């Protein structure tokens, strides 16, 4: 009986070494996903729309600023009119800043929402591969948050993740 117990105790540490680990590289997977390509294109299009509107607002601001400068230099415009135009110009400047901040927040929100759907799909594929392969951990090595992965003791499942996601 003691011999069986000793044998089991000696095998226990060995079973720890028998655990399987895997890694994949998200940076090699995401750019090839159709969903990622579509989301990137949508975000880029939205960004261009915001950029175009911002440029239009800045041109309008510049035109009004030049007009105010010209009226001020001529010296023939009433002070109250100049003051009113200056106030309008300040409001316009604040409006441009508000628009810029709102557009940046919207861009971040849109990107976050689109990436959440993509990440959920990738995580489902990784979970399926991890369970099927009997892996204890499946680690993304592209993020830099992992201090070290010994790739010779870990299985690279990037190709399996791509296949699971339908990437050729």
Protein backbone atom coordinates (compact mmCIF):
# COMPACT_ATOMS: atom_id res chain seq x y z
CA UNK A 1 0.00 0.00 0.00
CA UNK A 2 2.86 2.37 0.88
CA UNK A 3 4.51 1.65 -2.46
CA UNK A 4 1.35 2.71 -4.32
CA UNK A 5 1.09 5.91 -2.27
CA UNK A 6 4.75 6.75 -2.88
CA UNK A 7 4.32 6.09 -6.60
CA UNK A 8 1.27 8.39 -6.74
CA UNK A 9 3.10 11.15 -4.88
CA UNK A 10 6.04 10.91 -7.25
CA UNK A 11 3.76 11.05 -10.29
CA UNK A 12 1.88 14.13 -9.04
CA UNK A 13 4.72 16.57 -9.80
CA UNK A 14 5.17 14.95 -13.20
CA UNK A 15 1.54 15.55 -14.02
CA UNK A 16 2.18 19.24 -13.54
CA UNK A 17 4.78 19.09 -16.29
CA UNK A 18 2.33 17.31 -18.56
CA UNK A 19 0.09 20.35 -18.74
CA UNK A 20 -0.28 21.78 -22.20
CA UNK A 21 0.14 25.44 -23.04
CA UNK A 22 -0.56 27.24 -26.30
CA UNK A 23 -0.03 30.66 -27.75
CA UNK A 24 -1.21 32.61 -30.77
CA UNK A 25 -0.48 35.98 -32.32
CA UNK A 26 -3.57 38.23 -32.47
CA UNK A 27 -1.66 40.74 -34.63
CA UNK A 28 -1.46 38.07 -37.35
CA UNK A 29 -5.13 37.16 -37.06
CA UNK A 30 -7.10 40.43 -36.81
CA UNK A 31 -5.99 42.10 -40.06
CA UNK A 32 -7.13 39.07 -42.03
CA UNK A 33 -10.64 38.92 -40.56
CA UNK A 34 -13.34 40.25 -42.88
CA UNK A 35 -15.17 41.72 -39.88
CA UNK A 36 -12.03 43.61 -38.87
CA UNK A 37 -11.51 44.90 -42.41
CA UNK A 38 -15.14 46.08 -42.60
CA UNK A 39 -15.01 47.71 -39.16
CA UNK A 40 -11.73 49.46 -40.00
CA UNK A 41 -13.20 50.78 -43.25
CA UNK A 42 -16.30 52.07 -41.43
CA UNK A 43 -14.22 53.78 -38.76
CA UNK A 44 -11.97 55.31 -41.40
CA UNK A 45 -14.98 56.60 -43.34
CA UNK A 46 -16.49 58.09 -40.18
CA UNK A 47 -13.16 59.69 -39.33
CA UNK A 48 -12.96 61.24 -42.79
CA UNK A 49 -16.47 62.68 -42.42
CA UNK A 50 -15.51 64.27 -39.11
CA UNK A 51 -12.25 65.56 -40.58
CA UNK A 52 -14.05 67.12 -43.56
CA UNK A 53 -16.57 68.85 -41.30
CA UNK A 54 -13.81 70.10 -39.01
CA UNK A 55 -11.91 71.54 -41.98
CA UNK A 56 -15.11 73.23 -43.21
CA UNK A 57 -15.71 74.79 -39.79
CA UNK A 58 -12.10 75.95 -39.55
CA UNK A 59 -12.29 77.60 -42.99
CA UNK A 60 -15.49 79.36 -41.99
CA UNK A 61 -13.82 80.51 -38.77
CA UNK A 62 -10.76 81.75 -40.66
CA UNK A 63 -12.93 83.68 -43.13
CA UNK A 64 -14.85 85.39 -40.32
CA UNK A 65 -11.63 86.15 -38.43
CA UNK A 66 -10.15 87.79 -41.54
CA UNK A 67 -13.37 89.76 -42.07
CA UNK A 68 -13.26 91.02 -38.48
CA UNK A 69 -9.61 91.96 -38.85
CA UNK A 70 -10.37 93.89 -42.04
CA UNK A 71 -13.30 95.75 -40.45
CA UNK A 72 -11.18 96.57 -37.43
CA UNK A 73 -8.32 97.92 -39.56
CA UNK A 74 -10.66 100.08 -41.67
CA UNK A 75 -11.79 101.87 -38.55
CA UNK A 76 -15.18 102.78 -40.03
CA UNK A 77 -17.23 100.12 -38.25
CA UNK A 78 -18.98 100.89 -34.98
CA UNK A 79 -17.36 99.45 -31.87
CA UNK A 80 -20.56 97.61 -30.88
CA UNK A 81 -20.63 95.80 -34.25
CA UNK A 82 -16.96 94.83 -33.92
CA UNK A 83 -17.58 93.59 -30.38
CA UNK A 84 -20.58 91.54 -31.54
CA UNK A 85 -18.56 89.94 -34.36
CA UNK A 86 -15.70 89.19 -31.95
CA UNK A 87 -18.13 87.51 -29.56
CA UNK A 88 -19.59 85.48 -32.42
CA UNK A 89 -16.07 84.45 -33.40
CA UNK A 90 -15.30 83.29 -29.85
CA UNK A 91 -18.52 81.27 -29.77
CA UNK A 92 -17.60 79.71 -33.10
CA UNK A 93 -14.15 78.78 -31.78
CA UNK A 94 -15.74 77.11 -28.75
CA UNK A 95 -18.19 75.32 -31.02
CA UNK A 96 -15.31 73.95 -33.11
CA UNK A 97 -13.56 72.69 -29.98
CA UNK A 98 -16.78 71.06 -28.75
CA UNK A 99 -17.30 69.42 -32.13
CA UNK A 100 -13.73 68.09 -32.13
CA UNK A 101 -14.13 66.57 -28.66
CA UNK A 102 -17.52 65.05 -29.49
CA UNK A 103 -16.17 63.57 -32.72
CA UNK A 104 -13.21 62.00 -30.91
CA UNK A 105 -15.50 60.49 -28.29
CA UNK A 106 -17.82 59.12 -30.96
CA UNK A 107 -14.89 57.63 -32.88
CA UNK A 108 -13.65 55.89 -29.73
CA UNK A 109 -17.14 54.61 -28.93
CA UNK A 110 -17.69 53.29 -32.45
CA UNK A 111 -14.29 51.61 -32.52
CA UNK A 112 -14.84 50.06 -29.10
CA UNK A 113 -18.27 48.69 -30.06
CA UNK A 114 -17.02 47.22 -33.32
CA UNK A 115 -13.92 45.68 -31.74
CA UNK A 116 -15.96 44.15 -28.92
CA UNK A 117 -17.92 42.06 -31.44
CA UNK A 118 -14.71 40.96 -33.18
CA UNK A 119 -12.94 40.12 -29.91
CA UNK A 120 -15.93 38.07 -28.77
CA UNK A 121 -15.69 36.02 -31.95
CA UNK A 122 -11.92 35.52 -31.57
CA UNK A 123 -12.27 34.55 -27.91
CA UNK A 124 -14.94 31.98 -28.80
CA UNK A 125 -12.56 30.44 -31.36
CA UNK A 126 -9.71 30.38 -28.84
CA UNK A 127 -11.93 28.76 -26.22
CA UNK A 128 -13.00 26.08 -28.69
CA UNK A 129 -9.38 25.37 -29.67
CA UNK A 130 -8.26 25.39 -26.04
CA UNK A 131 -10.92 22.92 -24.97
CA UNK A 132 -10.40 20.66 -27.99
CA UNK A 133 -6.61 20.64 -27.53
CA UNK A 134 -6.73 20.21 -23.76
CA UNK A 135 -4.67 23.36 -23.18
CA UNK A 136 -4.41 24.87 -19.71
CA UNK A 137 -3.71 28.33 -21.13
CA UNK A 138 -3.88 29.89 -24.58
CA UNK A 139 -1.97 33.17 -24.54
CA UNK A 140 -1.89 36.05 -27.04
CA UNK A 141 1.77 36.90 -27.51
CA UNK A 142 1.22 40.03 -29.59
CA UNK A 143 0.09 42.32 -26.75
CA UNK A 144 3.38 42.60 -24.93
CA UNK A 145 1.67 42.12 -21.53
CA UNK A 146 3.07 38.61 -21.21
CA UNK A 147 6.60 38.83 -19.79
CA UNK A 148 7.77 35.57 -21.36
CA UNK A 149 6.41 32.62 -23.30
CA UNK A 150 8.77 29.78 -24.08
CA UNK A 151 7.54 29.00 -27.57
CA UNK A 152 9.36 25.67 -27.64
CA UNK A 153 7.31 24.41 -24.68
CA UNK A 154 4.08 25.97 -25.91
CA UNK A 155 2.08 25.07 -29.00
CA UNK A 156 1.47 27.84 -31.55
CA UNK A 157 -2.25 27.66 -32.40
CA UNK A 158 -2.39 30.80 -34.56
CA UNK A 159 -3.13 28.72 -37.67
CA UNK A 160 -5.94 26.92 -35.84
CA UNK A 161 -7.42 30.23 -34.68
CA UNK A 162 -7.34 31.50 -38.26
CA UNK A 163 -9.00 28.31 -39.50
CA UNK A 164 -11.66 28.48 -36.80
CA UNK A 165 -12.42 32.07 -37.84
CA UNK A 166 -12.63 31.08 -41.51
CA UNK A 167 -9.48 32.93 -42.54
CA UNK A 168 -7.62 31.32 -45.39
